[in-house]
Amino acid sequence: MVYCDHCWKNVSGSREDGGPLTCSECGKVLEDYHFSQEATFVKSSSGQSKLSGQYVRTVQSEFSASRQRTLDRAYDDLRYLSSNLGVNDDNMANQALAFYRIALERSFTRGRRSEHVQAACLYIAFR
C-alpha cells in the first residue's frame, strides 16, 4: 500500500515490467526510481564514456562491498605483520584496524602504499 496524493488515500500501487510505480486507481506515477545490478555507461558530448547513476551502499553493512574487502584484506595483513613481529594478539590487530578505518575514511591511504599505512597503524596500536 502506498499513499497517492492525487486520490488522497492509500492505494495498491502497480509496477509493470520494472517500470515506475503507479497508482492503481488514477494512474499517477508515485515512484520512478530505477535500480540496476549492472553498471550502465553513457557517452558525453565529447565522446567519453561515463558511468550513469550513483553508487548505492549495501543494505547489510555501512560500507560498500569494495570497502569491506579492503578492510578484510587489511585485517589479514595486520595480523600477519604483527605475528611476524612476535605479537600474536588479535586485540592489537583490531585496534590497528580501527586506525586503518579512520585513515580510509579521511582518504589518508590515497597515494600511499597500503603496507606503509598498515605498518603505521600497527605502530600506533603498539604504543
Foldseek 3Di string as FASTA:
>chain_A
DDADPVVRGDADWDDPPQAFTAGPPPGHGDGGDHDDPDWDWDADPVGDIDTPDDDDADPVDPHRPVVVVVLVVLLVVLCVVCVVVVHNDSVLSVQLSVVVVVCVVVVVCVPHDSNVSSVVSSVVSVD
